[in-house]
Amino acid sequence: MANLVCVDCGQKKPHHAKGLCNACYTRHYDEAHREKRAAYRQEHREGMMAKNARYYREHREDLLANQHRYNEGHREDRAEYNRCYDGAHREDKAEYNHRYYQANPEKYAVNNALRRTRKADQPNTLTPKENERLFAIGQGTWKGENVELDHFISVDKGGGTTLANSHYIPASLNRFKYNKLPQEVYKQLTLAEGV
């Protein structure tokens, strides 16, 4: 296939037909047959999705390596694109995050806790699966209550977001506990009750 100057983009590339390079010919063809291609995609949607999923499973490592290589080579371009996108879609992103965290309060709690423990340079080892299990236990223990993630030893006293240091308790109790140790809270409650 000879390299000729494309009549559309003006670059010297492999010639396809009608004086166009491969990319320009494909673009023109897609524009001319948009409805036909959309109907085909709609009709064969499930088969195409299954084929793409199978391809991804079989070539996952190569695809991730290529993506990593591309990201490394285009770090500034991607950062600039993300800045522009975030600036143009600030309200949309805020609305999406608000809806997501309203629907998933336990994930919001964990993300907030992980951010705080990273900032305090404490261990962050609580996995999403462990968090789901702790959340289910907390909901089962405190039926009908709005539960929140709590650290037995608070982050500002050296506790991390780990499986051994985390549990879910009612929001009101969490506010009362604040950064006290469990034994301090127990002592305060027993003194208040006069036991």
Foldseek 3Di string as FASTA:
>chain_A
DAFDQAPPPRDGEDDDDPSHHPVVVVVVVCVVCVVVVVVVCVVCVVVVVVVVVVVCVVCVVVVVVVVVVVCVVCVVVVVVVVVVVCVVCVVVVVVVVVVVCVVPVLVVQLVVQQVLLVVLVADDDQDPVLSVVQVVVQCVVVPPADKGKDFLADSVRRDHNDSVGIHIYHPVVCVVCPRPHPVVSVVVVCVVVVD
